[in-house]
C-alpha atoms as a PDB file:
ATOM      1  CA  MET A   1       4.399  32.817  34.101  1.00  0.00           C
ATOM      2  CA  ARG A   2       0.747  31.852  34.464  1.00  0.00           C
ATOM      3  CA  ARG A   3      -0.033  33.535  31.122  1.00  0.00           C
ATOM      4  CA  ILE A   4       2.063  31.042  29.149  1.00  0.00           C
ATOM      5  CA  ILE A   5       0.898  27.832  30.870  1.00  0.00           C
ATOM      6  CA  ALA A   6      -2.181  27.319  28.642  1.00  0.00           C
ATOM      7  CA  PRO A   7      -0.470  27.957  25.257  1.00  0.00           C
ATOM      8  CA  LEU A   8       2.517  25.909  26.400  1.00  0.00           C
ATOM      9  CA  LEU A   9       0.297  22.944  27.302  1.00  0.00           C
ATOM     10  CA  ILE A  10      -1.596  23.229  24.016  1.00  0.00           C
ATOM     11  CA  GLY A  11       1.700  23.397  22.137  1.00  0.00           C
ATOM     12  CA  VAL A  12       3.205  20.378  23.909  1.00  0.00           C
ATOM     13  CA  ILE A  13       0.061  18.269  23.585  1.00  0.00           C
ATOM     14  CA  GLY A  14      -0.359  19.208  19.918  1.00  0.00           C
ATOM     15  CA  CYS A  15       3.269  18.373  19.108  1.00  0.00           C
ATOM     16  CA  ALA A  16       2.967  15.068  20.953  1.00  0.00           C
ATOM     17  CA  ILE A  17      -0.130  14.108  18.947  1.00  0.00           C
ATOM     18  CA  LEU A  18       1.429  15.119  15.623  1.00  0.00           C
ATOM     19  CA  ILE A  19       4.699  13.335  16.349  1.00  0.00           C
ATOM     20  CA  SER A  20       2.807  10.199  17.409  1.00  0.00           C
ATOM     21  CA  LEU A  21       0.952  10.268  14.081  1.00  0.00           C
ATOM     22  CA  GLY A  22       4.283  10.488  12.255  1.00  0.00           C
ATOM     23  CA  VAL A  23       5.672   7.560  14.249  1.00  0.00           C
ATOM     24  CA  TRP A  24       2.505   5.569  13.487  1.00  0.00           C
ATOM     25  CA  GLN A  25       3.050   6.188   9.775  1.00  0.00           C
ATOM     26  CA  LEU A  26       6.625   4.909  10.094  1.00  0.00           C
ATOM     27  CA  LYS A  27       5.258   1.726  11.668  1.00  0.00           C
ATOM     28  CA  ARG A  28       2.776   1.476   8.796  1.00  0.00           C
ATOM     29  CA  LEU A  29       5.710   1.877   6.416  1.00  0.00           C
ATOM     30  CA  ASP A  30       7.418  -1.158   7.956  1.00  0.00           C
ATOM     31  CA  TRP A  31       4.170  -3.133   7.741  1.00  0.00           C
ATOM     32  CA  LYS A  32       3.592  -2.158   4.105  1.00  0.00           C
ATOM     33  CA  GLN A  33       7.159  -2.980   3.116  1.00  0.00           C
ATOM     34  CA  GLY A  34       6.817  -6.387   4.740  1.00  0.00           C
ATOM     35  CA  MET A  35       3.594  -6.978   2.796  1.00  0.00           C
ATOM     36  CA  LEU A  36       5.280  -5.933  -0.463  1.00  0.00           C
ATOM     37  CA  ASP A  37       8.167  -8.298   0.241  1.00  0.00           C
ATOM     38  CA  GLU A  38       5.672 -11.138   0.726  1.00  0.00           C
ATOM     39  CA  ILE A  39       3.922 -10.294  -2.552  1.00  0.00           C
ATOM     40  CA  GLN A  40       7.252 -10.165  -4.390  1.00  0.00           C
ATOM     41  CA  ALA A  41       8.159 -13.574  -2.958  1.00  0.00           C
ATOM     42  CA  GLN A  42       4.829 -14.932  -4.269  1.00  0.00           C
ATOM     43  CA  ILE A  43       5.440 -13.434  -7.711  1.00  0.00           C
ATOM     44  CA  ASP A  44       8.945 -14.915  -7.862  1.00  0.00           C
ATOM     45  CA  ALA A  45       7.979 -18.401  -6.619  1.00  0.00           C
ATOM     46  CA  PRO A  46       8.434 -21.390  -8.953  1.00  0.00           C
ATOM     47  CA  ALA A  47       5.683 -21.588 -11.555  1.00  0.00           C
ATOM     48  CA  MET A  48       3.115 -24.393 -11.489  1.00  0.00           C
ATOM     49  CA  ALA A  49       0.564 -25.688 -13.927  1.00  0.00           C
ATOM     50  CA  LEU A  50      -2.802 -23.966 -13.690  1.00  0.00           C
ATOM     51  CA  PRO A  51      -4.584 -25.636 -10.731  1.00  0.00           C
ATOM     52  CA  ALA A  52      -7.908 -27.351 -11.250  1.00  0.00           C
ATOM     53  CA  THR A  53      -9.515 -25.005  -8.717  1.00  0.00           C
ATOM     54  CA  VAL A  54      -8.603 -21.330  -8.698  1.00  0.00           C
ATOM     55  CA  ASP A  55      -9.806 -18.568  -6.365  1.00  0.00           C
ATOM     56  CA  PRO A  56      -8.715 -15.037  -5.388  1.00  0.00           C
ATOM     57  CA  SER A  57      -6.672 -16.325  -2.434  1.00  0.00           C
ATOM     58  CA  MET A  58      -4.166 -17.469  -5.098  1.00  0.00           C
ATOM     59  CA  LYS A  59      -3.556 -13.905  -6.300  1.00  0.00           C
ATOM     60  CA  TYR A  60       0.008 -13.454  -7.662  1.00  0.00           C
ATOM     61  CA  ALA A  61       0.636 -17.219  -7.881  1.00  0.00           C
ATOM     62  CA  PRO A  62       2.948 -17.973 -10.837  1.00  0.00           C
ATOM     63  CA  VAL A  63       1.513 -20.402 -13.372  1.00  0.00           C
ATOM     64  CA  THR A  64       2.182 -21.794 -16.829  1.00  0.00           C
ATOM     65  CA  VAL A  65      -0.553 -22.323 -19.412  1.00  0.00           C
ATOM     66  CA  SER A  66      -0.559 -23.420 -23.015  1.00  0.00           C
ATOM     67  CA  GLY A  67      -3.373 -23.227 -25.494  1.00  0.00           C
ATOM     68  CA  THR A  68      -4.906 -21.015 -28.142  1.00  0.00           C
ATOM     69  CA  THR A  69      -6.376 -17.534 -28.162  1.00  0.00           C
ATOM     70  CA  THR A  70      -9.824 -17.302 -29.724  1.00  0.00           C
ATOM     71  CA  GLY A  71      -9.493 -13.905 -31.401  1.00  0.00           C
ATOM     72  CA  GLU A  72     -11.955 -12.412 -28.903  1.00  0.00           C
ATOM     73  CA  GLU A  73     -10.452  -9.702 -26.733  1.00  0.00           C
ATOM     74  CA  ILE A  74     -11.108  -6.791 -24.421  1.00  0.00           C
ATOM     75  CA  ASP A  75      -9.102  -3.584 -24.832  1.00  0.00           C
ATOM     76  CA  VAL A  76      -8.343  -1.890 -21.505  1.00  0.00           C
ATOM     77  CA  LEU A  77      -7.212   1.729 -21.692  1.00  0.00           C
ATOM     78  CA  SER A  78      -3.633   1.851 -20.441  1.00  0.00           C
ATOM     79  CA  GLY A  79      -0.214   3.364 -21.066  1.00  0.00           C
ATOM     80  CA  THR A  80       3.511   3.002 -20.509  1.00  0.00           C
ATOM     81  CA  LYS A  81       6.252   5.547 -19.885  1.00  0.00           C
ATOM     82  CA  GLU A  82       8.101   4.375 -22.982  1.00  0.00           C
ATOM     83  CA  GLN A  83       5.233   4.268 -25.491  1.00  0.00           C
ATOM     84  CA  GLY A  84       2.598   6.548 -24.015  1.00  0.00           C
ATOM     85  CA  GLY A  85      -1.090   5.764 -24.320  1.00  0.00           C
ATOM     86  CA  GLY A  86      -2.422   2.482 -25.572  1.00  0.00           C
ATOM     87  CA  TYR A  87      -4.334  -0.602 -24.509  1.00  0.00           C
ATOM     88  CA  GLN A  88      -3.905  -3.701 -22.396  1.00  0.00           C
ATOM     89  CA  ILE A  89      -5.097  -6.702 -24.414  1.00  0.00           C
ATOM     90  CA  VAL A  90      -7.131  -9.258 -22.467  1.00  0.00           C
ATOM     91  CA  SER A  91      -7.934 -12.272 -24.664  1.00  0.00           C
ATOM     92  CA  SER A  92     -10.112 -15.284 -24.151  1.00  0.00           C
ATOM     93  CA  PHE A  93      -7.847 -18.304 -24.111  1.00  0.00           C
ATOM     94  CA  VAL A  94      -8.643 -22.005 -24.427  1.00  0.00           C
ATOM     95  CA  THR A  95      -6.107 -24.165 -22.617  1.00  0.00           C
ATOM     96  CA  ASP A  96      -4.945 -27.515 -23.930  1.00  0.00           C
ATOM     97  CA  ASP A  97      -7.238 -29.253 -21.441  1.00  0.00           C
ATOM     98  CA  GLY A  98     -10.254 -27.295 -22.705  1.00  0.00           C
ATOM     99  CA  ARG A  99     -10.615 -24.620 -20.023  1.00  0.00           C
ATOM    100  CA  ARG A 100     -11.714 -21.224 -21.252  1.00  0.00           C
ATOM    101  CA  ILE A 101      -9.904 -18.542 -19.241  1.00  0.00           C
ATOM    102  CA  MET A 102      -8.629 -14.980 -19.774  1.00  0.00           C
ATOM    103  CA  LEU A 103      -5.094 -14.050 -20.733  1.00  0.00           C
ATOM    104  CA  ASP A 104      -3.758 -10.545 -20.188  1.00  0.00           C
ATOM    105  CA  ARG A 105      -1.308 -10.620 -23.080  1.00  0.00           C
ATOM    106  CA  GLY A 106       0.148  -7.161 -22.427  1.00  0.00           C
ATOM    107  CA  PHE A 107       0.308  -3.771 -24.104  1.00  0.00           C
ATOM    108  CA  VAL A 108      -0.155  -2.383 -27.597  1.00  0.00           C
ATOM    109  CA  PRO A 109       0.221   1.300 -28.548  1.00  0.00           C
ATOM    110  CA  GLN A 110      -2.777   3.291 -29.723  1.00  0.00           C
ATOM    111  CA  GLU A 111      -2.037   2.811 -33.416  1.00  0.00           C
ATOM    112  CA  ALA A 112      -1.830  -0.980 -33.086  1.00  0.00           C
ATOM    113  CA  ARG A 113      -5.146  -1.466 -31.363  1.00  0.00           C
ATOM    114  CA  HIS A 114      -7.112  -2.445 -34.474  1.00  0.00           C
ATOM    115  CA  ILE A 115      -4.456  -4.694 -36.011  1.00  0.00           C
ATOM    116  CA  ALA A 116      -5.958  -8.150 -36.491  1.00  0.00           C
ATOM    117  CA  ARG A 117      -5.025 -10.707 -33.829  1.00  0.00           C
ATOM    118  CA  PRO A 118      -6.552 -13.990 -35.050  1.00  0.00           C
ATOM    119  CA  PRO A 119      -6.404 -17.188 -32.979  1.00  0.00           C
ATOM    120  CA  THR A 120      -2.833 -18.230 -32.246  1.00  0.00           C
ATOM    121  CA  ARG A 121      -1.196 -20.901 -30.144  1.00  0.00           C
ATOM    122  CA  LEU A 122       0.825 -19.667 -27.152  1.00  0.00           C
ATOM    123  CA  GLU A 123       2.796 -21.076 -24.258  1.00  0.00           C
ATOM    124  CA  VAL A 124       2.638 -18.607 -21.414  1.00  0.00           C
ATOM    125  CA  SER A 125       4.348 -18.042 -18.083  1.00  0.00           C
ATOM    126  CA  GLY A 126       2.596 -15.533 -15.870  1.00  0.00           C
ATOM    127  CA  ASN A 127       0.718 -14.888 -12.661  1.00  0.00           C
ATOM    128  CA  LEU A 128      -2.864 -15.278 -11.522  1.00  0.00           C
ATOM    129  CA  HIS A 129      -4.292 -11.862 -10.802  1.00  0.00           C
ATOM    130  CA  TRP A 130      -7.425 -10.131  -9.553  1.00  0.00           C
ATOM    131  CA  PRO A 131      -6.612  -6.442 -10.127  1.00  0.00           C
ATOM    132  CA  ASP A 132      -8.277  -3.950  -7.799  1.00  0.00           C
ATOM    133  CA  GLU A 133      -8.631  -1.195 -10.378  1.00  0.00           C
ATOM    134  CA  LYS A 134     -12.333  -0.352 -10.565  1.00  0.00           C
ATOM    135  CA  GLY A 135     -13.400   2.423  -8.209  1.00  0.00           C
ATOM    136  CA  SER A 136     -16.554   4.432  -7.694  1.00  0.00           C
ATOM    137  CA  SER A 137     -15.370   7.012 -10.236  1.00  0.00           C
ATOM    138  CA  THR A 138     -14.341   4.489 -12.905  1.00  0.00           C
ATOM    139  CA  PRO A 139     -16.574   4.788 -15.989  1.00  0.00           C
ATOM    140  CA  ASP A 140     -18.475   1.759 -17.201  1.00  0.00           C
ATOM    141  CA  PRO A 141     -16.912   0.094 -20.233  1.00  0.00           C
ATOM    142  CA  ASN A 142     -17.820   1.377 -23.668  1.00  0.00           C
ATOM    143  CA  LEU A 143     -19.023  -1.936 -25.042  1.00  0.00           C
ATOM    144  CA  SER A 144     -19.823  -0.590 -28.494  1.00  0.00           C
ATOM    145  CA  GLU A 145     -16.190   0.487 -28.929  1.00  0.00           C
ATOM    146  CA  ASN A 146     -14.793  -2.356 -26.777  1.00  0.00           C
ATOM    147  CA  ILE A 147     -12.950   0.116 -24.546  1.00  0.00           C
ATOM    148  CA  TRP A 148     -12.653  -0.723 -20.855  1.00  0.00           C
ATOM    149  CA  PHE A 149     -11.255   1.603 -18.200  1.00  0.00           C
ATOM    150  CA  ALA A 150     -10.243  -0.998 -15.618  1.00  0.00           C
ATOM    151  CA  ARG A 151      -9.636  -4.720 -15.425  1.00  0.00           C
ATOM    152  CA  ASP A 152     -12.661  -6.201 -13.660  1.00  0.00           C
ATOM    153  CA  VAL A 153     -12.277  -9.984 -13.637  1.00  0.00           C
ATOM    154  CA  PRO A 154     -15.940 -11.015 -13.129  1.00  0.00           C
ATOM    155  CA  ALA A 155     -17.250  -8.475 -15.649  1.00  0.00           C
ATOM    156  CA  MET A 156     -14.615  -9.333 -18.249  1.00  0.00           C
ATOM    157  CA  ALA A 157     -15.274 -13.051 -17.796  1.00  0.00           C
ATOM    158  CA  ALA A 158     -18.978 -12.493 -18.390  1.00  0.00           C
ATOM    159  CA  GLN A 159     -18.216 -10.456 -21.514  1.00  0.00           C
ATOM    160  CA  LEU A 160     -15.803 -13.030 -22.942  1.00  0.00           C
ATOM    161  CA  ASN A 161     -17.773 -16.064 -21.723  1.00  0.00           C
ATOM    162  CA  THR A 162     -14.821 -17.493 -19.759  1.00  0.00           C
ATOM    163  CA  GLN A 163     -14.120 -18.687 -16.256  1.00  0.00           C
ATOM    164  CA  PRO A 164     -13.313 -15.764 -13.905  1.00  0.00           C
ATOM    165  CA  ILE A 165      -9.605 -16.578 -14.126  1.00  0.00           C
ATOM    166  CA  LEU A 166      -7.050 -14.045 -15.347  1.00  0.00           C
ATOM    167  CA  VAL A 167      -3.442 -14.932 -16.099  1.00  0.00           C
ATOM    168  CA  VAL A 168      -1.156 -11.935 -16.642  1.00  0.00           C
ATOM    169  CA  ALA A 169       1.601 -12.953 -19.042  1.00  0.00           C
ATOM    170  CA  SER A 170       5.232 -12.324 -18.139  1.00  0.00           C
ATOM    171  CA  PHE A 171       6.751 -14.458 -20.921  1.00  0.00           C
ATOM    172  CA  VAL A 172       5.128 -15.705 -24.113  1.00  0.00           C
ATOM    173  CA  ARG A 173       6.386 -18.379 -26.490  1.00  0.00           C
ATOM    174  CA  GLY A 174       4.707 -18.287 -29.897  1.00  0.00           C
ATOM    175  CA  ASP A 175       3.383 -15.509 -32.098  1.00  0.00           C
ATOM    176  CA  ALA A 176       2.854 -12.598 -29.682  1.00  0.00           C
ATOM    177  CA  GLN A 177       1.272 -10.608 -32.542  1.00  0.00           C
ATOM    178  CA  GLY A 178       2.986  -7.416 -31.441  1.00  0.00           C
ATOM    179  CA  VAL A 179       1.616  -7.501 -27.885  1.00  0.00           C
ATOM    180  CA  GLU A 180       4.275  -6.715 -25.273  1.00  0.00           C
ATOM    181  CA  PRO A 181       3.814  -8.548 -21.942  1.00  0.00           C
ATOM    182  CA  ILE A 182       3.596  -6.385 -18.830  1.00  0.00           C
ATOM    183  CA  PRO A 183       4.335  -8.726 -15.909  1.00  0.00           C
ATOM    184  CA  VAL A 184       2.658  -8.374 -12.531  1.00  0.00           C
ATOM    185  CA  ALA A 185       4.854  -6.166 -10.337  1.00  0.00           C
ATOM    186  CA  ILE A 186       4.701  -4.484  -6.942  1.00  0.00           C
ATOM    187  CA  GLU A 187       5.619  -1.084  -8.393  1.00  0.00           C
ATOM    188  CA  GLY A 188       1.965  -0.270  -8.958  1.00  0.00           C
ATOM    189  CA  ILE A 189       1.040  -0.880  -5.312  1.00  0.00           C
ATOM    190  CA  PRO A 190       1.104   2.475  -3.463  1.00  0.00           C
ATOM    191  CA  ASN A 191       3.375   2.865  -0.432  1.00  0.00           C
ATOM    192  CA  ASN A 192       3.155   6.502   0.632  1.00  0.00           C
ATOM    193  CA  HIS A 193       3.626   6.110   4.379  1.00  0.00           C
ATOM    194  CA  LEU A 194       7.074   7.732   4.411  1.00  0.00           C
ATOM    195  CA  SER A 195       5.731  10.909   2.816  1.00  0.00           C
ATOM    196  CA  TYR A 196       2.773  10.879   5.222  1.00  0.00           C
ATOM    197  CA  ALA A 197       5.175  10.581   8.166  1.00  0.00           C
ATOM    198  CA  ALA A 198       7.274  13.475   6.855  1.00  0.00           C
ATOM    199  CA  GLN A 199       4.129  15.603   6.563  1.00  0.00           C
ATOM    200  CA  TRP A 200       3.117  14.931  10.174  1.00  0.00           C
ATOM    201  CA  PHE A 201       6.623  15.720  11.431  1.00  0.00           C
ATOM    202  CA  MET A 202       6.676  18.958   9.414  1.00  0.00           C
ATOM    203  CA  ILE A 203       3.301  19.981  10.842  1.00  0.00           C
ATOM    204  CA  ALA A 204       4.644  19.211  14.322  1.00  0.00           C
ATOM    205  CA  ALA A 205       7.637  21.468  13.651  1.00  0.00           C
ATOM    206  CA  VAL A 206       5.350  24.268  12.462  1.00  0.00           C
ATOM    207  CA  TRP A 207       3.120  23.780  15.525  1.00  0.00           C
ATOM    208  CA  ALA A 208       6.161  23.997  17.797  1.00  0.00           C
ATOM    209  CA  GLY A 209       7.359  27.146  16.026  1.00  0.00           C
ATOM    210  CA  MET A 210       3.934  28.773  16.337  1.00  0.00           C
ATOM    211  CA  THR A 211       3.825  27.869  20.027  1.00  0.00           C
ATOM    212  CA  VAL A 212       7.240  29.436  20.644  1.00  0.00           C
ATOM    213  CA  GLY A 213       6.199  32.536  18.713  1.00  0.00           C
ATOM    214  CA  LEU A 214       2.957  32.871  20.686  1.00  0.00           C
ATOM    215  CA  ILE A 215       4.736  32.494  24.022  1.00  0.00           C
ATOM    216  CA  TRP A 216       7.326  35.084  22.984  1.00  0.00           C
ATOM    217  CA  ARG A 217       4.594  37.567  22.071  1.00  0.00           C
ATOM    218  CA  ILE A 218       2.805  36.962  25.380  1.00  0.00           C
ATOM    219  CA  ARG A 219       6.022  37.600  27.289  1.00  0.00           C
ATOM    220  CA  GLN A 220       6.551  40.853  25.367  1.00  0.00           C
ATOM    221  CA  ARG A 221       3.203  42.281  26.384  1.00  0.00           C
ATOM    222  CA  LYS A 222       3.216  44.970  29.046  1.00  0.00           C
ATOM    223  CA  TYR A 223       0.433  45.488  31.469  1.00  0.00           C
END
């Protein structure tokens, strides 16, 4: 009996730790789902005119703007399931009250990237956004080809000479010039806690099985 005490304790303690990690991930899942519900509520709130003062704490706030694109744009490498690879078109946009901001107009397929998009008047419903897309491995933009690999609000604003304000269009009235709006949505926000929990529980099951197997082998030994 004394021979199995140590492996039994290690097995029980290990399973307890692994199961507790799985339970912690389930709690994180509840927290993340609550956060996503809050974000969705912000996205779906009644739209307002673009405030005089805008800052990142207003991320996801729905707004309406009207004005004119300038013909200057940034092409952000992107893609959709339906159309494959293409570009997200971020245009400089002058509002009716003279503010120069950025408008994420949406997506164009690869072959439509170089189609001319001269200044055009638009009325837009959308959401304020500060995308968190640029990581340590994200390449710097290819400025000579006007190809960007992530939406970086301060850098794009400096390039387009606008305020660091980005409105992502969800509905456009006027000549969209073939650009398809891609509204802000929570689908792109990762929520992998359920799979993490399942992994910890599976490891706990394997640990328990290995412990049982080890104890069985110890009991089979003859001295």
